[in-house]
Amino acid sequence: MPDYSVEGIARSYIEAVGSHDLDAVENLLAEDLAATFAGASLDMAGWTAALNRLLPVLVRNEIREIFTVQDRACVVYDFVTDTPAGSVRCIELLSISSGKIREIELVLDRVAFAPVNAALNSMRP
């Protein structure tokens, strides 16, 4: 039985990204999603496109902690790659209502993540 709690939705989202299941990810996101990362704001289409760009190097996500308060979740996880970066610790702050993720803020060490971007850029034709 699916877990529709704030923690359950947050866990399902991070696990779906880690298993490359973008259909499941899209089912968890609200149509009016507002996502932010490094000062950029993305809508649902932009966010899923960004996730899709990362999939070639993502091995899995390893959840370390999930904290919740009311409709908010903070997920601390390792973004495990097959790049020289290895795994990069990430934090996603999620706002959830009516069973959908409405807001996402991704926080990570951009220096630690740089080898991931370099690997992705080398894959481009």
PDB file of N, CA and C in Angstrom:
ATOM      1  N   MET A   1       0.846  -1.186   0.000  1.00  0.00           N
ATOM      2  CA  MET A   1       0.000   0.000   0.000  1.00  0.00           C
ATOM      3  C   MET A   1       0.891   1.250   0.000  1.00  0.00           C
ATOM      4  N   PRO A   2       0.653   2.179  -0.916  1.00  0.00           N
ATOM      5  CA  PRO A   2       1.477   3.386  -0.997  1.00  0.00           C
ATOM      6  C   PRO A   2       1.375   4.225   0.276  1.00  0.00           C
ATOM      7  N   ASP A   3       2.457   4.887   0.605  1.00  0.00           N
ATOM      8  CA  ASP A   3       2.514   5.756   1.781  1.00  0.00           C
ATOM      9  C   ASP A   3       2.312   7.195   1.301  1.00  0.00           C
ATOM     10  N   TYR A   4       1.163   7.790   1.620  1.00  0.00           N
ATOM     11  CA  TYR A   4       0.838   9.137   1.176  1.00  0.00           C
ATOM     12  C   TYR A   4       1.153  10.201   2.227  1.00  0.00           C
ATOM     13  N   SER A   5       1.921   9.817   3.252  1.00  0.00           N
ATOM     14  CA  SER A   5       2.361  10.800   4.231  1.00  0.00           C
ATOM     15  C   SER A   5       3.400  11.711   3.579  1.00  0.00           C
ATOM     16  N   VAL A   6       3.695  12.812   4.219  1.00  0.00           N
ATOM     17  CA  VAL A   6       4.720  13.720   3.703  1.00  0.00           C
ATOM     18  C   VAL A   6       6.041  12.965   3.571  1.00  0.00           C
ATOM     19  N   GLU A   7       6.413  12.192   4.583  1.00  0.00           N
ATOM     20  CA  GLU A   7       7.649  11.422   4.504  1.00  0.00           C
ATOM     21  C   GLU A   7       7.585  10.370   3.401  1.00  0.00           C
ATOM     22  N   GLY A   8       6.461   9.706   3.268  1.00  0.00           N
ATOM     23  CA  GLY A   8       6.311   8.676   2.241  1.00  0.00           C
ATOM     24  C   GLY A   8       6.433   9.231   0.834  1.00  0.00           C
ATOM     25  N   ILE A   9       5.832  10.379   0.595  1.00  0.00           N
ATOM     26  CA  ILE A   9       5.917  11.004  -0.729  1.00  0.00           C
ATOM     27  C   ILE A   9       7.344  11.457  -1.004  1.00  0.00           C
ATOM     28  N   ALA A  10       7.995  12.061  -0.007  1.00  0.00           N
ATOM     29  CA  ALA A  10       9.388  12.499  -0.177  1.00  0.00           C
ATOM     30  C   ALA A  10      10.290  11.306  -0.473  1.00  0.00           C
ATOM     31  N   ARG A  11      10.134  10.224   0.269  1.00  0.00           N
ATOM     32  CA  ARG A  11      10.942   9.019   0.056  1.00  0.00           C
ATOM     33  C   ARG A  11      10.687   8.438  -1.337  1.00  0.00           C
ATOM     34  N   SER A  12       9.419   8.357  -1.720  1.00  0.00           N
ATOM     35  CA  SER A  12       9.070   7.808  -3.035  1.00  0.00           C
ATOM     36  C   SER A  12       9.695   8.623  -4.158  1.00  0.00           C
ATOM     37  N   TYR A  13       9.706   9.937  -4.001  1.00  0.00           N
ATOM     38  CA  TYR A  13      10.280  10.825  -5.015  1.00  0.00           C
ATOM     39  C   TYR A  13      11.790  10.591  -5.172  1.00  0.00           C
ATOM     40  N   ILE A  14      12.522  10.614  -4.071  1.00  0.00           N
ATOM     41  CA  ILE A  14      13.975  10.432  -4.140  1.00  0.00           C
ATOM     42  C   ILE A  14      14.313   9.042  -4.669  1.00  0.00           C
ATOM     43  N   GLU A  15      13.566   8.036  -4.246  1.00  0.00           N
ATOM     44  CA  GLU A  15      13.798   6.669  -4.736  1.00  0.00           C
ATOM     45  C   GLU A  15      13.478   6.553  -6.224  1.00  0.00           C
ATOM     46  N   ALA A  16      12.408   7.212  -6.675  1.00  0.00           N
ATOM     47  CA  ALA A  16      12.044   7.152  -8.094  1.00  0.00           C
ATOM     48  C   ALA A  16      13.124   7.802  -8.962  1.00  0.00           C
ATOM     49  N   VAL A  17      13.659   8.926  -8.504  1.00  0.00           N
ATOM     50  CA  VAL A  17      14.758   9.551  -9.253  1.00  0.00           C
ATOM     51  C   VAL A  17      15.936   8.584  -9.293  1.00  0.00           C
ATOM     52  N   GLY A  18      16.282   8.007  -8.160  1.00  0.00           N
ATOM     53  CA  GLY A  18      17.425   7.108  -8.075  1.00  0.00           C
ATOM     54  C   GLY A  18      17.295   5.862  -8.926  1.00  0.00           C
ATOM     55  N   SER A  19      16.055   5.431  -9.155  1.00  0.00           N
ATOM     56  CA  SER A  19      15.832   4.243  -9.988  1.00  0.00           C
ATOM     57  C   SER A  19      15.486   4.605 -11.432  1.00  0.00           C
ATOM     58  N   HIS A  20      15.627   5.879 -11.775  1.00  0.00           N
ATOM     59  CA  HIS A  20      15.408   6.378 -13.142  1.00  0.00           C
ATOM     60  C   HIS A  20      13.951   6.234 -13.593  1.00  0.00           C
ATOM     61  N   ASP A  21      13.019   6.268 -12.673  1.00  0.00           N
ATOM     62  CA  ASP A  21      11.605   6.110 -12.992  1.00  0.00           C
ATOM     63  C   ASP A  21      10.946   7.485 -13.090  1.00  0.00           C
ATOM     64  N   LEU A  22      11.155   8.155 -14.220  1.00  0.00           N
ATOM     65  CA  LEU A  22      10.618   9.509 -14.373  1.00  0.00           C
ATOM     66  C   LEU A  22       9.097   9.546 -14.453  1.00  0.00           C
ATOM     67  N   ASP A  23       8.468   8.462 -14.866  1.00  0.00           N
ATOM     68  CA  ASP A  23       7.003   8.425 -14.842  1.00  0.00           C
ATOM     69  C   ASP A  23       6.507   8.537 -13.407  1.00  0.00           C
ATOM     70  N   ALA A  24       7.127   7.795 -12.501  1.00  0.00           N
ATOM     71  CA  ALA A  24       6.755   7.870 -11.086  1.00  0.00           C
ATOM     72  C   ALA A  24       7.046   9.254 -10.526  1.00  0.00           C
ATOM     73  N   VAL A  25       8.189   9.832 -10.922  1.00  0.00           N
ATOM     74  CA  VAL A  25       8.534  11.183 -10.472  1.00  0.00           C
ATOM     75  C   VAL A  25       7.451  12.162 -10.900  1.00  0.00           C
ATOM     76  N   GLU A  26       7.089  12.128 -12.175  1.00  0.00           N
ATOM     77  CA  GLU A  26       6.079  13.061 -12.677  1.00  0.00           C
ATOM     78  C   GLU A  26       4.738  12.890 -11.968  1.00  0.00           C
ATOM     79  N   ASN A  27       4.400  11.674 -11.582  1.00  0.00           N
ATOM     80  CA  ASN A  27       3.154  11.437 -10.856  1.00  0.00           C
ATOM     81  C   ASN A  27       3.176  12.037  -9.452  1.00  0.00           C
ATOM     82  N   LEU A  28       4.356  12.275  -8.920  1.00  0.00           N
ATOM     83  CA  LEU A  28       4.484  12.851  -7.581  1.00  0.00           C
ATOM     84  C   LEU A  28       4.562  14.371  -7.595  1.00  0.00           C
ATOM     85  N   LEU A  29       4.777  14.964  -8.768  1.00  0.00           N
ATOM     86  CA  LEU A  29       4.935  16.406  -8.872  1.00  0.00           C
ATOM     87  C   LEU A  29       3.628  17.089  -9.236  1.00  0.00           C
ATOM     88  N   ALA A  30       3.399  18.236  -8.608  1.00  0.00           N
ATOM     89  CA  ALA A  30       2.227  19.051  -8.940  1.00  0.00           C
ATOM     90  C   ALA A  30       2.447  19.739 -10.286  1.00  0.00           C
ATOM     91  N   GLU A  31       1.386  19.954 -11.002  1.00  0.00           N
ATOM     92  CA  GLU A  31       1.470  20.633 -12.303  1.00  0.00           C
ATOM     93  C   GLU A  31       2.103  22.014 -12.173  1.00  0.00           C
ATOM     94  N   ASP A  32       1.867  22.682 -11.038  1.00  0.00           N
ATOM     95  CA  ASP A  32       2.391  24.032 -10.827  1.00  0.00           C
ATOM     96  C   ASP A  32       3.679  24.023 -10.001  1.00  0.00           C
ATOM     97  N   LEU A  33       4.450  22.963 -10.108  1.00  0.00           N
ATOM     98  CA  LEU A  33       5.694  22.825  -9.365  1.00  0.00           C
ATOM     99  C   LEU A  33       6.596  24.042  -9.570  1.00  0.00           C
ATOM    100  N   ALA A  34       7.211  24.471  -8.473  1.00  0.00           N
ATOM    101  CA  ALA A  34       8.240  25.509  -8.512  1.00  0.00           C
ATOM    102  C   ALA A  34       9.486  24.904  -7.888  1.00  0.00           C
ATOM    103  N   ALA A  35      10.520  24.719  -8.696  1.00  0.00           N
ATOM    104  CA  ALA A  35      11.767  24.124  -8.234  1.00  0.00           C
ATOM    105  C   ALA A  35      12.890  25.134  -8.371  1.00  0.00           C
ATOM    106  N   THR A  36      13.800  25.135  -7.395  1.00  0.00           N
ATOM    107  CA  THR A  36      14.931  26.043  -7.457  1.00  0.00           C
ATOM    108  C   THR A  36      16.225  25.295  -7.188  1.00  0.00           C
ATOM    109  N   PHE A  37      17.254  25.724  -7.885  1.00  0.00           N
ATOM    110  CA  PHE A  37      18.594  25.195  -7.698  1.00  0.00           C
ATOM    111  C   PHE A  37      19.580  26.237  -8.185  1.00  0.00           C
ATOM    112  N   ALA A  38      20.527  26.595  -7.345  1.00  0.00           N
ATOM    113  CA  ALA A  38      21.595  27.528  -7.706  1.00  0.00           C
ATOM    114  C   ALA A  38      21.050  28.832  -8.304  1.00  0.00           C
ATOM    115  N   GLY A  39      19.967  29.316  -7.734  1.00  0.00           N
ATOM    116  CA  GLY A  39      19.397  30.572  -8.190  1.00  0.00           C
ATOM    117  C   GLY A  39      18.480  30.477  -9.391  1.00  0.00           C
ATOM    118  N   ALA A  40      18.395  29.297 -10.006  1.00  0.00           N
ATOM    119  CA  ALA A  40      17.506  29.120 -11.162  1.00  0.00           C
ATOM    120  C   ALA A  40      16.153  28.601 -10.690  1.00  0.00           C
ATOM    121  N   SER A  41      15.105  29.064 -11.322  1.00  0.00           N
ATOM    122  CA  SER A  41      13.750  28.593 -11.039  1.00  0.00           C
ATOM    123  C   SER A  41      13.255  27.784 -12.223  1.00  0.00           C
ATOM    124  N   LEU A  42      12.702  26.617 -11.933  1.00  0.00           N
ATOM    125  CA  LEU A  42      12.212  25.728 -12.982  1.00  0.00           C
ATOM    126  C   LEU A  42      10.784  25.303 -12.697  1.00  0.00           C
ATOM    127  N   ASP A  43      10.023  25.098 -13.772  1.00  0.00           N
ATOM    128  CA  ASP A  43       8.696  24.526 -13.631  1.00  0.00           C
ATOM    129  C   ASP A  43       8.814  23.010 -13.735  1.00  0.00           C
ATOM    130  N   MET A  44       7.680  22.319 -13.747  1.00  0.00           N
ATOM    131  CA  MET A  44       7.704  20.862 -13.773  1.00  0.00           C
ATOM    132  C   MET A  44       8.462  20.326 -14.993  1.00  0.00           C
ATOM    133  N   ALA A  45       8.193  20.878 -16.170  1.00  0.00           N
ATOM    134  CA  ALA A  45       8.866  20.403 -17.386  1.00  0.00           C
ATOM    135  C   ALA A  45      10.376  20.652 -17.303  1.00  0.00           C
ATOM    136  N   GLY A  46      10.766  21.803 -16.809  1.00  0.00           N
ATOM    137  CA  GLY A  46      12.183  22.121 -16.678  1.00  0.00           C
ATOM    138  C   GLY A  46      12.875  21.237 -15.659  1.00  0.00           C
ATOM    139  N   TRP A  47      12.180  20.949 -14.556  1.00  0.00           N
ATOM    140  CA  TRP A  47      12.762  20.102 -13.519  1.00  0.00           C
ATOM    141  C   TRP A  47      12.938  18.667 -14.016  1.00  0.00           C
ATOM    142  N   THR A  48      11.927  18.123 -14.660  1.00  0.00           N
ATOM    143  CA  THR A  48      12.054  16.744 -15.148  1.00  0.00           C
ATOM    144  C   THR A  48      13.093  16.655 -16.261  1.00  0.00           C
ATOM    145  N   ALA A  49      13.230  17.701 -17.062  1.00  0.00           N
ATOM    146  CA  ALA A  49      14.279  17.710 -18.090  1.00  0.00           C
ATOM    147  C   ALA A  49      15.657  17.720 -17.430  1.00  0.00           C
ATOM    148  N   ALA A  50      15.806  18.487 -16.362  1.00  0.00           N
ATOM    149  CA  ALA A  50      17.084  18.525 -15.641  1.00  0.00           C
ATOM    150  C   ALA A  50      17.389  17.161 -15.023  1.00  0.00           C
ATOM    151  N   LEU A  51      16.389  16.527 -14.440  1.00  0.00           N
ATOM    152  CA  LEU A  51      16.595  15.185 -13.879  1.00  0.00           C
ATOM    153  C   LEU A  51      16.987  14.203 -14.978  1.00  0.00           C
ATOM    154  N   ASN A  52      16.304  14.261 -16.097  1.00  0.00           N
ATOM    155  CA  ASN A  52      16.585  13.358 -17.214  1.00  0.00           C
ATOM    156  C   ASN A  52      18.026  13.522 -17.707  1.00  0.00           C
ATOM    157  N   ARG A  53      18.524  14.739 -17.673  1.00  0.00           N
ATOM    158  CA  ARG A  53      19.902  15.003 -18.096  1.00  0.00           C
ATOM    159  C   ARG A  53      20.907  14.303 -17.178  1.00  0.00           C
ATOM    160  N   LEU A  54      20.544  14.128 -15.893  1.00  0.00           N
ATOM    161  CA  LEU A  54      21.453  13.516 -14.916  1.00  0.00           C
ATOM    162  C   LEU A  54      21.462  11.993 -14.943  1.00  0.00           C
ATOM    163  N   LEU A  55      20.426  11.394 -15.476  1.00  0.00           N
ATOM    164  CA  LEU A  55      20.276   9.938 -15.388  1.00  0.00           C
ATOM    165  C   LEU A  55      21.435   9.122 -15.955  1.00  0.00           C
ATOM    166  N   PRO A  56      22.110   9.570 -17.030  1.00  0.00           N
ATOM    167  CA  PRO A  56      23.207   8.739 -17.548  1.00  0.00           C
ATOM    168  C   PRO A  56      24.334   8.467 -16.549  1.00  0.00           C
ATOM    169  N   VAL A  57      24.503   9.323 -15.536  1.00  0.00           N
ATOM    170  CA  VAL A  57      25.591   9.117 -14.571  1.00  0.00           C
ATOM    171  C   VAL A  57      25.096   8.711 -13.181  1.00  0.00           C
ATOM    172  N   LEU A  58      23.793   8.770 -12.974  1.00  0.00           N
ATOM    173  CA  LEU A  58      23.234   8.435 -11.655  1.00  0.00           C
ATOM    174  C   LEU A  58      23.116   6.928 -11.498  1.00  0.00           C
ATOM    175  N   VAL A  59      23.778   6.393 -10.490  1.00  0.00           N
ATOM    176  CA  VAL A  59      23.684   4.972 -10.172  1.00  0.00           C
ATOM    177  C   VAL A  59      22.483   4.728  -9.261  1.00  0.00           C
ATOM    178  N   ARG A  60      22.370   5.551  -8.226  1.00  0.00           N
ATOM    179  CA  ARG A  60      21.253   5.427  -7.280  1.00  0.00           C
ATOM    180  C   ARG A  60      21.301   6.616  -6.325  1.00  0.00           C
ATOM    181  N   ASN A  61      20.231   6.789  -5.568  1.00  0.00           N
ATOM    182  CA  ASN A  61      20.194   7.720  -4.448  1.00  0.00           C
ATOM    183  C   ASN A  61      20.137   6.902  -3.166  1.00  0.00           C
ATOM    184  N   GLU A  62      20.954   7.257  -2.199  1.00  0.00           N
ATOM    185  CA  GLU A  62      20.949   6.594  -0.898  1.00  0.00           C
ATOM    186  C   GLU A  62      20.454   7.588   0.145  1.00  0.00           C
ATOM    187  N   ILE A  63      19.235   7.386   0.615  1.00  0.00           N
ATOM    188  CA  ILE A  63      18.647   8.294   1.591  1.00  0.00           C
ATOM    189  C   ILE A  63      19.337   8.102   2.935  1.00  0.00           C
ATOM    190  N   ARG A  64      19.756   9.229   3.519  1.00  0.00           N
ATOM    191  CA  ARG A  64      20.397   9.229   4.840  1.00  0.00           C
ATOM    192  C   ARG A  64      19.410   9.591   5.939  1.00  0.00           C
ATOM    193  N   GLU A  65      18.633  10.631   5.709  1.00  0.00           N
ATOM    194  CA  GLU A  65      17.679  11.122   6.712  1.00  0.00           C
ATOM    195  C   GLU A  65      16.500  11.787   6.005  1.00  0.00           C
ATOM    196  N   ILE A  66      15.354  11.720   6.627  1.00  0.00           N
ATOM    197  CA  ILE A  66      14.192  12.497   6.191  1.00  0.00           C
ATOM    198  C   ILE A  66      13.602  13.134   7.440  1.00  0.00           C
ATOM    199  N   PHE A  67      13.480  14.441   7.396  1.00  0.00           N
ATOM    200  CA  PHE A  67      12.872  15.182   8.490  1.00  0.00           C
ATOM    201  C   PHE A  67      11.586  15.810   7.958  1.00  0.00           C
ATOM    202  N   THR A  68      10.534  15.794   8.756  1.00  0.00           N
ATOM    203  CA  THR A  68       9.282  16.408   8.312  1.00  0.00           C
ATOM    204  C   THR A  68       8.702  17.310   9.395  1.00  0.00           C
ATOM    205  N   VAL A  69       8.063  18.364   8.940  1.00  0.00           N
ATOM    206  CA  VAL A  69       7.292  19.253   9.792  1.00  0.00           C
ATOM    207  C   VAL A  69       6.085  19.674   8.968  1.00  0.00           C
ATOM    208  N   GLN A  70       4.903  19.281   9.432  1.00  0.00           N
ATOM    209  CA  GLN A  70       3.658  19.580   8.738  1.00  0.00           C
ATOM    210  C   GLN A  70       3.738  19.147   7.279  1.00  0.00           C
ATOM    211  N   ASP A  71       3.682  20.087   6.326  1.00  0.00           N
ATOM    212  CA  ASP A  71       3.671  19.731   4.901  1.00  0.00           C
ATOM    213  C   ASP A  71       5.051  19.858   4.255  1.00  0.00           C
ATOM    214  N   ARG A  72       6.107  19.928   5.072  1.00  0.00           N
ATOM    215  CA  ARG A  72       7.466  20.110   4.556  1.00  0.00           C
ATOM    216  C   ARG A  72       8.322  18.896   4.890  1.00  0.00           C
ATOM    217  N   ALA A  73       9.210  18.558   3.970  1.00  0.00           N
ATOM    218  CA  ALA A  73      10.172  17.479   4.187  1.00  0.00           C
ATOM    219  C   ALA A  73      11.555  17.965   3.806  1.00  0.00           C
ATOM    220  N   CYS A  74      12.535  17.501   4.553  1.00  0.00           N
ATOM    221  CA  CYS A  74      13.934  17.733   4.240  1.00  0.00           C
ATOM    222  C   CYS A  74      14.556  16.357   4.055  1.00  0.00           C
ATOM    223  N   VAL A  75      15.035  16.086   2.851  1.00  0.00           N
ATOM    224  CA  VAL A  75      15.620  14.786   2.538  1.00  0.00           C
ATOM    225  C   VAL A  75      17.127  14.971   2.336  1.00  0.00           C
ATOM    226  N   VAL A  76      17.890  14.254   3.127  1.00  0.00           N
ATOM    227  CA  VAL A  76      19.346  14.253   3.002  1.00  0.00           C
ATOM    228  C   VAL A  76      19.715  12.917   2.365  1.00  0.00           C
ATOM    229  N   TYR A  77      20.425  12.983   1.241  1.00  0.00           N
ATOM    230  CA  TYR A  77      20.747  11.743   0.542  1.00  0.00           C
ATOM    231  C   TYR A  77      22.075  11.871  -0.200  1.00  0.00           C
ATOM    232  N   ASP A  78      22.626  10.718  -0.554  1.00  0.00           N
ATOM    233  CA  ASP A  78      23.821  10.677  -1.389  1.00  0.00           C
ATOM    234  C   ASP A  78      23.389  10.392  -2.820  1.00  0.00           C
ATOM    235  N   PHE A  79      23.813  11.265  -3.714  1.00  0.00           N
ATOM    236  CA  PHE A  79      23.596  11.125  -5.152  1.00  0.00           C
ATOM    237  C   PHE A  79      24.799  10.324  -5.646  1.00  0.00           C
ATOM    238  N   VAL A  80      24.615   9.036  -5.838  1.00  0.00           N
ATOM    239  CA  VAL A  80      25.718   8.133  -6.161  1.00  0.00           C
ATOM    240  C   VAL A  80      25.869   8.051  -7.669  1.00  0.00           C
ATOM    241  N   THR A  81      27.098   8.387  -8.134  1.00  0.00           N
ATOM    242  CA  THR A  81      27.359   8.421  -9.572  1.00  0.00           C
ATOM    243  C   THR A  81      28.475   7.453  -9.937  1.00  0.00           C
ATOM    244  N   ASP A  82      28.632   7.260 -11.232  1.00  0.00           N
ATOM    245  CA  ASP A  82      29.765   6.481 -11.739  1.00  0.00           C
ATOM    246  C   ASP A  82      30.823   7.417 -12.319  1.00  0.00           C
ATOM    247  N   THR A  83      30.878   8.646 -11.798  1.00  0.00           N
ATOM    248  CA  THR A  83      31.854   9.645 -12.226  1.00  0.00           C
ATOM    249  C   THR A  83      32.952   9.754 -11.173  1.00  0.00           C
ATOM    250  N   PRO A  84      34.011  10.513 -11.451  1.00  0.00           N
ATOM    251  CA  PRO A  84      35.044  10.724 -10.439  1.00  0.00           C
ATOM    252  C   PRO A  84      34.516  11.366  -9.145  1.00  0.00           C
ATOM    253  N   ALA A  85      33.353  11.983  -9.199  1.00  0.00           N
ATOM    254  CA  ALA A  85      32.767  12.576  -7.991  1.00  0.00           C
ATOM    255  C   ALA A  85      32.333  11.499  -7.001  1.00  0.00           C
ATOM    256  N   GLY A  86      32.060  10.302  -7.495  1.00  0.00           N
ATOM    257  CA  GLY A  86      31.551   9.243  -6.611  1.00  0.00           C
ATOM    258  C   GLY A  86      30.163   9.600  -6.138  1.00  0.00           C
ATOM    259  N   SER A  87      30.002   9.792  -4.839  1.00  0.00           N
ATOM    260  CA  SER A  87      28.696  10.216  -4.331  1.00  0.00           C
ATOM    261  C   SER A  87      28.791  11.636  -3.793  1.00  0.00           C
ATOM    262  N   VAL A  88      27.728  12.383  -4.014  1.00  0.00           N
ATOM    263  CA  VAL A  88      27.655  13.778  -3.592  1.00  0.00           C
ATOM    264  C   VAL A  88      26.463  13.914  -2.647  1.00  0.00           C
ATOM    265  N   ARG A  89      26.718  14.432  -1.462  1.00  0.00           N
ATOM    266  CA  ARG A  89      25.638  14.641  -0.494  1.00  0.00           C
ATOM    267  C   ARG A  89      24.732  15.768  -0.993  1.00  0.00           C
ATOM    268  N   CYS A  90      23.426  15.521  -0.986  1.00  0.00           N
ATOM    269  CA  CYS A  90      22.431  16.492  -1.441  1.00  0.00           C
ATOM    270  C   CYS A  90      21.355  16.650  -0.383  1.00  0.00           C
ATOM    271  N   ILE A  91      20.703  17.775  -0.411  1.00  0.00           N
ATOM    272  CA  ILE A  91      19.557  18.050   0.448  1.00  0.00           C
ATOM    273  C   ILE A  91      18.457  18.605  -0.438  1.00  0.00           C
ATOM    274  N   GLU A  92      17.267  18.036  -0.311  1.00  0.00           N
ATOM    275  CA  GLU A  92      16.114  18.605  -1.010  1.00  0.00           C
ATOM    276  C   GLU A  92      15.067  18.978   0.021  1.00  0.00           C
ATOM    277  N   LEU A  93      14.616  20.216  -0.086  1.00  0.00           N
ATOM    278  CA  LEU A  93      13.536  20.716   0.749  1.00  0.00           C
ATOM    279  C   LEU A  93      12.270  20.675  -0.099  1.00  0.00           C
ATOM    280  N   LEU A  94      11.283  19.945   0.374  1.00  0.00           N
ATOM    281  CA  LEU A  94      10.061  19.726  -0.396  1.00  0.00           C
ATOM    282  C   LEU A  94       8.854  20.272   0.354  1.00  0.00           C
ATOM    283  N   SER A  95       7.943  20.893  -0.370  1.00  0.00           N
ATOM    284  CA  SER A  95       6.635  21.268   0.162  1.00  0.00           C
ATOM    285  C   SER A  95       5.603  20.409  -0.541  1.00  0.00           C
ATOM    286  N   ILE A  96       4.744  19.786   0.249  1.00  0.00           N
ATOM    287  CA  ILE A  96       3.794  18.808  -0.287  1.00  0.00           C
ATOM    288  C   ILE A  96       2.395  19.185   0.156  1.00  0.00           C
ATOM    289  N   SER A  97       1.467  19.153  -0.786  1.00  0.00           N
ATOM    290  CA  SER A  97       0.064  19.326  -0.421  1.00  0.00           C
ATOM    291  C   SER A  97      -0.804  18.524  -1.376  1.00  0.00           C
ATOM    292  N   SER A  98      -1.880  17.990  -0.848  1.00  0.00           N
ATOM    293  CA  SER A  98      -2.803  17.156  -1.623  1.00  0.00           C
ATOM    294  C   SER A  98      -2.077  16.015  -2.325  1.00  0.00           C
ATOM    295  N   GLY A  99      -1.062  15.470  -1.648  1.00  0.00           N
ATOM    296  CA  GLY A  99      -0.362  14.309  -2.173  1.00  0.00           C
ATOM    297  C   GLY A  99       0.615  14.592  -3.301  1.00  0.00           C
ATOM    298  N   LYS A 100       0.907  15.867  -3.553  1.00  0.00           N
ATOM    299  CA  LYS A 100       1.821  16.245  -4.638  1.00  0.00           C
ATOM    300  C   LYS A 100       2.908  17.181  -4.115  1.00  0.00           C
ATOM    301  N   ILE A 101       4.081  17.083  -4.730  1.00  0.00           N
ATOM    302  CA  ILE A 101       5.184  17.972  -4.391  1.00  0.00           C
ATOM    303  C   ILE A 101       4.974  19.273  -5.150  1.00  0.00           C
ATOM    304  N   ARG A 102       4.859  20.371  -4.411  1.00  0.00           N
ATOM    305  CA  ARG A 102       4.576  21.671  -5.019  1.00  0.00           C
ATOM    306  C   ARG A 102       5.826  22.543  -5.128  1.00  0.00           C
ATOM    307  N   GLU A 103       6.774  22.345  -4.194  1.00  0.00           N
ATOM    308  CA  GLU A 103       7.998  23.136  -4.217  1.00  0.00           C
ATOM    309  C   GLU A 103       9.180  22.226  -3.915  1.00  0.00           C
ATOM    310  N   ILE A 104      10.285  22.479  -4.620  1.00  0.00           N
ATOM    311  CA  ILE A 104      11.535  21.768  -4.387  1.00  0.00           C
ATOM    312  C   ILE A 104      12.658  22.788  -4.368  1.00  0.00           C
ATOM    313  N   GLU A 105      13.523  22.666  -3.375  1.00  0.00           N
ATOM    314  CA  GLU A 105      14.771  23.426  -3.372  1.00  0.00           C
ATOM    315  C   GLU A 105      15.890  22.422  -3.183  1.00  0.00           C
ATOM    316  N   LEU A 106      16.792  22.346  -4.147  1.00  0.00           N
ATOM    317  CA  LEU A 106      17.938  21.441  -4.094  1.00  0.00           C
ATOM    318  C   LEU A 106      19.159  22.198  -3.619  1.00  0.00           C
ATOM    319  N   VAL A 107      19.830  21.626  -2.618  1.00  0.00           N
ATOM    320  CA  VAL A 107      21.043  22.224  -2.068  1.00  0.00           C
ATOM    321  C   VAL A 107      22.149  21.180  -2.145  1.00  0.00           C
ATOM    322  N   LEU A 108      23.288  21.563  -2.718  1.00  0.00           N
ATOM    323  CA  LEU A 108      24.440  20.664  -2.777  1.00  0.00           C
ATOM    324  C   LEU A 108      25.712  21.474  -2.923  1.00  0.00           C
ATOM    325  N   ASP A 109      26.834  20.810  -2.715  1.00  0.00           N
ATOM    326  CA  ASP A 109      28.145  21.420  -2.859  1.00  0.00           C
ATOM    327  C   ASP A 109      28.493  21.419  -4.350  1.00  0.00           C
ATOM    328  N   ARG A 110      28.459  22.573  -4.964  1.00  0.00           N
ATOM    329  CA  ARG A 110      28.679  22.653  -6.411  1.00  0.00           C
ATOM    330  C   ARG A 110      30.095  22.261  -6.800  1.00  0.00           C
ATOM    331  N   VAL A 111      31.055  22.449  -5.918  1.00  0.00           N
ATOM    332  CA  VAL A 111      32.433  22.037  -6.210  1.00  0.00           C
ATOM    333  C   VAL A 111      32.508  20.512  -6.234  1.00  0.00           C
ATOM    334  N   ALA A 112      31.889  19.860  -5.250  1.00  0.00           N
ATOM    335  CA  ALA A 112      31.883  18.394  -5.218  1.00  0.00           C
ATOM    336  C   ALA A 112      31.130  17.826  -6.414  1.00  0.00           C
ATOM    337  N   PHE A 113      30.142  18.563  -6.912  1.00  0.00           N
ATOM    338  CA  PHE A 113      29.324  18.109  -8.034  1.00  0.00           C
ATOM    339  C   PHE A 113      29.974  18.384  -9.391  1.00  0.00           C
ATOM    340  N   ALA A 114      31.002  19.220  -9.438  1.00  0.00           N
ATOM    341  CA  ALA A 114      31.631  19.610 -10.705  1.00  0.00           C
ATOM    342  C   ALA A 114      32.069  18.421 -11.561  1.00  0.00           C
ATOM    343  N   PRO A 115      32.656  17.348 -10.995  1.00  0.00           N
ATOM    344  CA  PRO A 115      33.019  16.211 -11.847  1.00  0.00           C
ATOM    345  C   PRO A 115      31.810  15.528 -12.503  1.00  0.00           C
ATOM    346  N   VAL A 116      30.649  15.610 -11.864  1.00  0.00           N
ATOM    347  CA  VAL A 116      29.428  15.064 -12.471  1.00  0.00           C
ATOM    348  C   VAL A 116      29.094  15.869 -13.723  1.00  0.00           C
ATOM    349  N   ASN A 117      29.119  17.192 -13.595  1.00  0.00           N
ATOM    350  CA  ASN A 117      28.836  18.048 -14.756  1.00  0.00           C
ATOM    351  C   ASN A 117      29.866  17.848 -15.855  1.00  0.00           C
ATOM    352  N   ALA A 118      31.124  17.698 -15.477  1.00  0.00           N
ATOM    353  CA  ALA A 118      32.172  17.476 -16.486  1.00  0.00           C
ATOM    354  C   ALA A 118      31.920  16.173 -17.240  1.00  0.00           C
ATOM    355  N   ALA A 119      31.543  15.125 -16.523  1.00  0.00           N
ATOM    356  CA  ALA A 119      31.251  13.846 -17.176  1.00  0.00           C
ATOM    357  C   ALA A 119      30.063  13.970 -18.110  1.00  0.00           C
ATOM    358  N   LEU A 120      29.027  14.671 -17.668  1.00  0.00           N
ATOM    359  CA  LEU A 120      27.853  14.860 -18.523  1.00  0.00           C
ATOM    360  C   LEU A 120      28.199  15.667 -19.763  1.00  0.00           C
ATOM    361  N   ASN A 121      29.005  16.699 -19.599  1.00  0.00           N
ATOM    362  CA  ASN A 121      29.397  17.528 -20.745  1.00  0.00           C
ATOM    363  C   ASN A 121      30.240  16.739 -21.745  1.00  0.00           C
ATOM    364  N   SER A 122      31.031  15.794 -21.266  1.00  0.00           N
ATOM    365  CA  SER A 122      31.856  14.996 -22.181  1.00  0.00           C
ATOM    366  C   SER A 122      31.018  13.984 -22.979  1.00  0.00           C
ATOM    367  N   MET A 123      29.801  13.717 -22.508  1.00  0.00           N
ATOM    368  CA  MET A 123      28.914  12.795 -23.216  1.00  0.00           C
ATOM    369  C   MET A 123      28.162  13.451 -24.356  1.00  0.00           C
ATOM    370  N   ARG A 124      28.135  14.755 -24.362  1.00  0.00           N
ATOM    371  CA  ARG A 124      27.396  15.484 -25.414  1.00  0.00           C
ATOM    372  C   ARG A 124      28.101  15.324 -26.747  1.00  0.00           C
ATOM    373  N   PRO A 125      27.318  15.204 -27.819  1.00  0.00           N
ATOM    374  CA  PRO A 125      27.936  15.067 -29.156  1.00  0.00           C
ATOM    375  C   PRO A 125      28.617  16.340 -29.614  1.00  0.00           C
TER     376      PRO A 125
END
